[in-house]
């Protein structure tokens, strides 16, 4: 059978620490640590860099974990035997979302996917771009959904384009900026901005603008992915944030907030699904991507970022 050390290494890469890997594998942390160390000695290089917050894969380690992950997935497929042949969609589909504030986009696609293929078991992980990227490369997730510009510079990934997400700025009722009529980016930049992580190209635009106005972006930007927290901050302060346009038409939004009239409309933010370039996506992954294409059209978005 397959060397158990491979499972320990892949689990550690997927969960980012020896402690989390031990909990997942049902063994002690010392067992995981020893297993990984034994394998590193045999290979002659480090798979992980150890940090106070967990582990990070080395360049050599990433290549090893990718190969080990594929090997374990293929072994699992083989052991499913006849049941896998009769239903190629059966099993766990691991989906990463970055930033986590985009999870709402999956409501309709996953409803369609689950109806068409009820044997798929879903695992949804929402996190920052860097963490989801690491999990995608290590096999911790099968497919990732996020901003296309964030994934664009990753040569080892293949991107499947979705319809772009249309957004606008919003502020609390009574905010001073609402008396300005049509506002410019420079006027907006006078206030703190709440932005989701890895929300390219918006991040770079605002950081550059803050620099031109003599502000340090770190002093002016909140990076928050959980939208209820974003709403709370905007409602209680003069901070301004982004919101998906269809959500602005709901009564819940109108009761507490107002959109800003912009001199220039914001460009739509392209969304994509990303998969590993060297992997052959399973039927469940292909079905998920197709469901996203059908159920994330810009005209049908009906929830908050």
Protein backbone atom coordinates (compact mmCIF):
# COMPACT_ATOMS: atom_id res chain seq x y z
CA UNK A 1 0.00 0.00 0.00
CA UNK A 2 1.00 3.65 -0.28
CA UNK A 3 3.52 4.95 2.23
CA UNK A 4 1.57 6.58 5.06
CA UNK A 5 4.18 9.34 5.19
CA UNK A 6 2.80 10.66 1.89
CA UNK A 7 -0.63 11.03 3.48
CA UNK A 8 0.87 12.86 6.45
CA UNK A 9 2.79 15.27 4.21
CA UNK A 10 -0.21 16.03 2.01
CA UNK A 11 -2.49 16.50 5.01
CA UNK A 12 0.04 18.86 6.61
CA UNK A 13 0.25 20.89 3.40
CA UNK A 14 -3.51 21.08 3.11
CA UNK A 15 -4.15 22.19 6.68
CA UNK A 16 -1.06 24.32 7.18
CA UNK A 17 0.24 22.90 10.48
CA UNK A 18 1.31 19.67 12.14
CA UNK A 19 -1.34 20.12 14.82
CA UNK A 20 -4.21 20.45 12.32
CA UNK A 21 -2.85 17.54 10.28
CA UNK A 22 -2.68 15.34 13.38
CA UNK A 23 -6.30 16.14 14.26
CA UNK A 24 -7.40 15.34 10.72
CA UNK A 25 -5.41 12.10 10.53
CA UNK A 26 -6.39 10.96 14.03
CA UNK A 27 -2.82 10.59 15.27
CA UNK A 28 -0.57 12.55 17.63
CA UNK A 29 1.27 15.67 16.54
CA UNK A 30 4.61 14.00 17.30
CA UNK A 31 3.68 11.17 14.94
CA UNK A 32 3.05 13.64 12.11
CA UNK A 33 6.22 15.59 12.88
CA UNK A 34 8.35 12.43 12.93
CA UNK A 35 6.73 11.10 9.76
CA UNK A 36 7.45 14.29 7.82
CA UNK A 37 11.00 14.56 9.20
CA UNK A 38 11.73 10.94 8.20
CA UNK A 39 10.55 11.61 4.67
CA UNK A 40 12.57 14.84 4.42
CA UNK A 41 15.73 12.96 5.50
CA UNK A 42 15.11 10.31 2.87
CA UNK A 43 14.51 12.92 0.14
CA UNK A 44 17.47 15.05 1.14
CA UNK A 45 15.57 18.36 1.21
CA UNK A 46 12.98 20.17 3.32
CA UNK A 47 9.34 19.91 2.28
CA UNK A 48 8.24 22.61 4.72
CA UNK A 49 9.59 25.74 6.29
CA UNK A 50 8.51 25.73 9.94
CA UNK A 51 7.11 28.99 11.33
CA UNK A 52 5.48 30.03 14.59
CA UNK A 53 2.10 30.05 12.82
CA UNK A 54 2.42 26.72 11.03
CA UNK A 55 4.26 25.46 7.96
CA UNK A 56 4.87 26.76 4.45
CA UNK A 57 5.94 24.58 1.55
CA UNK A 58 9.38 25.08 0.07
CA UNK A 59 9.74 25.25 -3.72
CA UNK A 60 10.90 21.61 -3.81
CA UNK A 61 8.24 20.69 -1.29
CA UNK A 62 5.47 22.13 -3.45
CA UNK A 63 6.47 19.93 -6.38
CA UNK A 64 6.66 16.88 -4.12
CA UNK A 65 3.29 17.56 -2.49
CA UNK A 66 1.65 18.05 -5.90
CA UNK A 67 2.92 14.66 -7.09
CA UNK A 68 2.05 12.96 -3.80
CA UNK A 69 -1.45 14.46 -3.87
CA UNK A 70 -2.07 13.19 -7.40
CA UNK A 71 -0.79 9.75 -6.43
CA UNK A 72 -3.12 9.57 -3.42
CA UNK A 73 -6.10 10.78 -5.46
CA UNK A 74 -5.43 8.17 -8.16
CA UNK A 75 -5.11 5.44 -5.53
CA UNK A 76 -8.39 6.50 -3.97
CA UNK A 77 -10.09 6.40 -7.38
CA UNK A 78 -8.75 2.91 -8.00
CA UNK A 79 -9.98 1.65 -4.64
CA UNK A 80 -13.48 2.94 -5.28
CA UNK A 81 -13.73 0.19 -7.88
CA UNK A 82 -17.08 -0.48 -9.51
CA UNK A 83 -18.95 2.25 -7.64
CA UNK A 84 -16.64 4.89 -9.16
CA UNK A 85 -17.19 3.48 -12.65
CA UNK A 86 -20.96 3.49 -12.25
CA UNK A 87 -20.98 7.07 -10.91
CA UNK A 88 -17.87 9.13 -11.78
CA UNK A 89 -19.31 12.12 -9.90
CA UNK A 90 -19.40 10.35 -6.52
CA UNK A 91 -17.04 11.58 -3.84
CA UNK A 92 -15.87 14.81 -2.25
CA UNK A 93 -15.49 17.98 -4.30
CA UNK A 94 -13.26 20.46 -2.49
CA UNK A 95 -13.84 24.09 -3.51
CA UNK A 96 -11.73 27.03 -2.38
CA UNK A 97 -13.11 30.58 -2.44
CA UNK A 98 -10.85 33.62 -2.24
CA UNK A 99 -11.62 36.03 -0.88
CA UNK A 100 -14.16 34.31 1.37
CA UNK A 101 -16.61 37.17 0.76
CA UNK A 102 -17.32 35.65 -2.67
CA UNK A 103 -18.86 32.47 -1.20
CA UNK A 104 -22.37 33.81 -1.84
CA UNK A 105 -21.71 33.49 -5.58
CA UNK A 106 -21.87 29.71 -5.20
CA UNK A 107 -25.42 29.50 -3.85
CA UNK A 108 -27.12 28.98 -7.21
CA UNK A 109 -24.34 26.97 -8.93
CA UNK A 110 -24.12 24.52 -6.03
CA UNK A 111 -27.89 24.12 -5.85
CA UNK A 112 -27.87 23.18 -9.54
CA UNK A 113 -24.85 20.91 -9.13
CA UNK A 114 -26.34 19.07 -6.13
CA UNK A 115 -29.63 18.54 -7.95
CA UNK A 116 -27.92 17.12 -11.03
CA UNK A 117 -25.36 15.02 -9.16
CA UNK A 118 -26.60 14.19 -5.64
CA UNK A 119 -23.66 11.85 -4.95
CA UNK A 120 -21.19 14.76 -4.93
CA UNK A 121 -20.19 15.72 -1.40
CA UNK A 122 -19.16 19.34 -1.04
CA UNK A 123 -16.38 20.89 1.04
CA UNK A 124 -16.25 24.70 0.76
CA UNK A 125 -13.22 26.55 2.12
CA UNK A 126 -13.21 30.35 2.17
CA UNK A 127 -9.89 32.05 2.91
CA UNK A 128 -7.36 34.60 1.70
CA UNK A 129 -5.93 34.29 -1.81
CA UNK A 130 -2.49 33.13 -0.63
CA UNK A 131 -3.91 30.33 1.52
CA UNK A 132 -6.33 29.08 -1.15
CA UNK A 133 -3.56 29.22 -3.76
CA UNK A 134 -1.38 27.08 -1.51
CA UNK A 135 -4.22 24.58 -1.02
CA UNK A 136 -4.95 24.45 -4.75
CA UNK A 137 -1.33 23.68 -5.53
CA UNK A 138 -1.07 21.04 -2.80
CA UNK A 139 -4.35 19.35 -3.75
CA UNK A 140 -6.15 20.58 -0.64
CA UNK A 141 -8.87 21.94 -2.93
CA UNK A 142 -9.80 20.69 -6.39
CA UNK A 143 -10.86 24.04 -7.81
CA UNK A 144 -10.77 27.66 -6.65
CA UNK A 145 -13.12 30.56 -7.34
CA UNK A 146 -11.79 34.11 -7.14
CA UNK A 147 -10.82 37.29 -8.94
CA UNK A 148 -9.25 36.54 -12.31
CA UNK A 149 -6.57 39.22 -11.96
CA UNK A 150 -5.29 37.55 -8.78
CA UNK A 151 -4.83 34.18 -10.53
CA UNK A 152 -3.55 35.67 -13.79
CA UNK A 153 0.11 35.64 -12.79
CA UNK A 154 0.18 31.94 -11.83
CA UNK A 155 1.66 29.96 -14.75
CA UNK A 156 0.95 26.59 -13.14
CA UNK A 157 -2.83 27.17 -13.13
CA UNK A 158 -5.52 27.15 -15.79
CA UNK A 159 -8.25 29.77 -15.49
CA UNK A 160 -11.86 29.27 -16.61
CA UNK A 161 -13.53 32.65 -17.08
CA UNK A 162 -16.89 33.46 -15.47
CA UNK A 163 -19.13 36.48 -16.00
CA UNK A 164 -17.65 39.58 -14.33
CA UNK A 165 -18.90 40.83 -10.99
CA UNK A 166 -20.34 44.37 -11.08
CA UNK A 167 -19.85 46.48 -7.98
CA UNK A 168 -20.22 50.01 -6.68
CA UNK A 169 -19.25 51.97 -3.58
CA UNK A 170 -21.59 52.44 -0.65
CA UNK A 171 -21.67 54.41 2.60
CA UNK A 172 -23.96 54.87 5.58
CA UNK A 173 -26.89 57.26 5.42
CA UNK A 174 -25.75 60.72 6.51
CA UNK A 175 -22.18 60.22 5.33
CA UNK A 176 -20.56 63.58 4.38
CA UNK A 177 -19.59 62.34 0.93
CA UNK A 178 -23.24 61.87 -0.08
CA UNK A 179 -23.65 65.66 -0.24
CA UNK A 180 -21.02 65.91 -2.98
CA UNK A 181 -23.18 64.60 -5.82
CA UNK A 182 -21.04 62.70 -8.31
CA UNK A 183 -17.77 61.83 -6.58
CA UNK A 184 -14.28 61.18 -7.89
CA UNK A 185 -11.85 58.50 -6.72
CA UNK A 186 -9.79 61.23 -5.04
CA UNK A 187 -12.81 62.26 -2.93
CA UNK A 188 -13.47 58.66 -1.93
CA UNK A 189 -9.81 58.21 -1.00
CA UNK A 190 -10.15 60.86 1.71
CA UNK A 191 -11.90 58.18 3.76
CA UNK A 192 -10.92 54.71 4.87
CA UNK A 193 -11.89 51.97 2.42
CA UNK A 194 -12.93 48.42 3.33
CA UNK A 195 -11.75 46.00 0.65
CA UNK A 196 -11.78 42.21 0.37
CA UNK A 197 -8.41 40.48 0.15
CA UNK A 198 -6.87 39.88 -3.29
CA UNK A 199 -9.52 42.08 -4.93
CA UNK A 200 -7.38 42.90 -7.92
CA UNK A 201 -7.31 45.19 -9.82
CA UNK A 202 -9.04 47.39 -7.19
CA UNK A 203 -6.35 46.93 -4.52
CA UNK A 204 -3.59 48.30 -6.73
CA UNK A 205 -5.72 51.22 -7.94
CA UNK A 206 -6.48 52.40 -4.43
CA UNK A 207 -2.97 51.88 -3.13
CA UNK A 208 -1.61 53.97 -5.99
CA UNK A 209 -4.21 56.67 -5.43
CA UNK A 210 -3.46 56.85 -1.72
CA UNK A 211 0.22 57.22 -2.55
CA UNK A 212 -0.50 60.07 -5.00
CA UNK A 213 -2.47 61.88 -2.27
CA UNK A 214 0.34 61.44 0.23
CA UNK A 215 -1.41 58.77 2.32
CA UNK A 216 -0.02 55.43 3.45
CA UNK A 217 -2.42 52.75 2.19
CA UNK A 218 -1.84 50.65 5.30
CA UNK A 219 -3.25 53.50 7.37
CA UNK A 220 -6.33 53.89 5.14
CA UNK A 221 -7.43 50.40 4.08
CA UNK A 222 -9.27 47.67 5.99
CA UNK A 223 -8.87 44.20 4.41
CA UNK A 224 -11.97 42.22 5.46
CA UNK A 225 -13.64 39.31 3.68
CA UNK A 226 -16.67 38.67 5.92
CA UNK A 227 -19.39 40.96 4.59
CA UNK A 228 -21.46 41.28 7.80
CA UNK A 229 -18.38 42.81 9.43
CA UNK A 230 -17.95 45.13 6.44
CA UNK A 231 -21.56 46.31 6.80
CA UNK A 232 -21.10 46.91 10.51
CA UNK A 233 -17.98 49.03 10.02
CA UNK A 234 -19.56 51.07 7.22
CA UNK A 235 -22.73 51.59 9.29
CA UNK A 236 -20.82 52.85 12.35
CA UNK A 237 -17.98 54.87 10.77
CA UNK A 238 -17.14 57.02 7.76
CA UNK A 239 -15.47 54.08 6.01
CA UNK A 240 -16.60 53.31 2.45
CA UNK A 241 -16.74 49.89 0.82
CA UNK A 242 -17.72 47.93 -2.27
CA UNK A 243 -20.95 46.02 -2.79
CA UNK A 244 -22.44 43.94 -5.60
CA UNK A 245 -24.91 46.15 -7.48
CA UNK A 246 -28.01 43.90 -7.30
CA UNK A 247 -27.79 43.82 -3.49
CA UNK A 248 -28.19 47.60 -3.47
CA UNK A 249 -31.76 47.19 -4.75
CA UNK A 250 -32.89 45.23 -1.68
CA UNK A 251 -34.85 46.76 1.17
CA UNK A 252 -32.28 45.59 3.72
CA UNK A 253 -29.57 47.58 1.99
CA UNK A 254 -31.64 50.70 1.30
CA UNK A 255 -32.70 50.96 4.95
CA UNK A 256 -29.11 51.43 6.16
CA UNK A 257 -26.94 52.47 3.23
CA UNK A 258 -26.71 54.52 0.07
CA UNK A 259 -24.63 54.02 -3.06
CA UNK A 260 -22.25 56.70 -4.26
CA UNK A 261 -22.86 58.44 -7.53
CA UNK A 262 -19.55 58.08 -9.35
CA UNK A 263 -18.05 60.32 -12.00
CA UNK A 264 -16.75 57.17 -13.70
CA UNK A 265 -18.39 53.78 -13.19
CA UNK A 266 -16.26 51.02 -11.75
CA UNK A 267 -15.07 48.40 -14.23
CA UNK A 268 -16.55 44.94 -13.74
CA UNK A 269 -14.26 42.60 -11.80
CA UNK A 270 -13.59 39.41 -13.82
CA UNK A 271 -14.20 36.19 -11.89
CA UNK A 272 -12.67 32.81 -12.71
CA UNK A 273 -12.41 29.22 -11.59
CA UNK A 274 -8.80 28.03 -11.35
CA UNK A 275 -7.48 24.48 -11.52
CA UNK A 276 -4.01 22.99 -11.60
CA UNK A 277 -2.59 23.05 -15.13
CA UNK A 278 -1.08 19.58 -14.94
CA UNK A 279 -4.13 17.89 -13.46
CA UNK A 280 -6.92 16.22 -15.38
CA UNK A 281 -10.08 17.65 -13.77
CA UNK A 282 -12.55 15.07 -12.53
CA UNK A 283 -16.12 15.06 -13.88
CA UNK A 284 -17.31 16.74 -10.66
CA UNK A 285 -14.87 19.63 -11.19
CA UNK A 286 -15.97 20.09 -14.80
CA UNK A 287 -19.63 19.99 -13.75
CA UNK A 288 -18.98 22.62 -11.07
CA UNK A 289 -17.27 24.97 -13.54
CA UNK A 290 -20.14 24.56 -15.98
CA UNK A 291 -22.70 25.26 -13.25
CA UNK A 292 -20.80 28.44 -12.34
CA UNK A 293 -20.83 29.57 -15.97
CA UNK A 294 -24.58 29.06 -16.16
CA UNK A 295 -25.54 30.44 -12.73
CA UNK A 296 -23.16 33.38 -12.19
CA UNK A 297 -24.25 35.70 -15.01
CA UNK A 298 -23.83 39.37 -14.11
CA UNK A 299 -27.50 40.08 -14.73
CA UNK A 300 -28.62 37.52 -12.13
CA UNK A 301 -26.37 38.36 -9.17
CA UNK A 302 -28.69 38.94 -6.27
CA UNK A 303 -26.64 38.96 -3.09
CA UNK A 304 -23.97 40.96 -1.30
CA UNK A 305 -20.25 40.61 -1.81
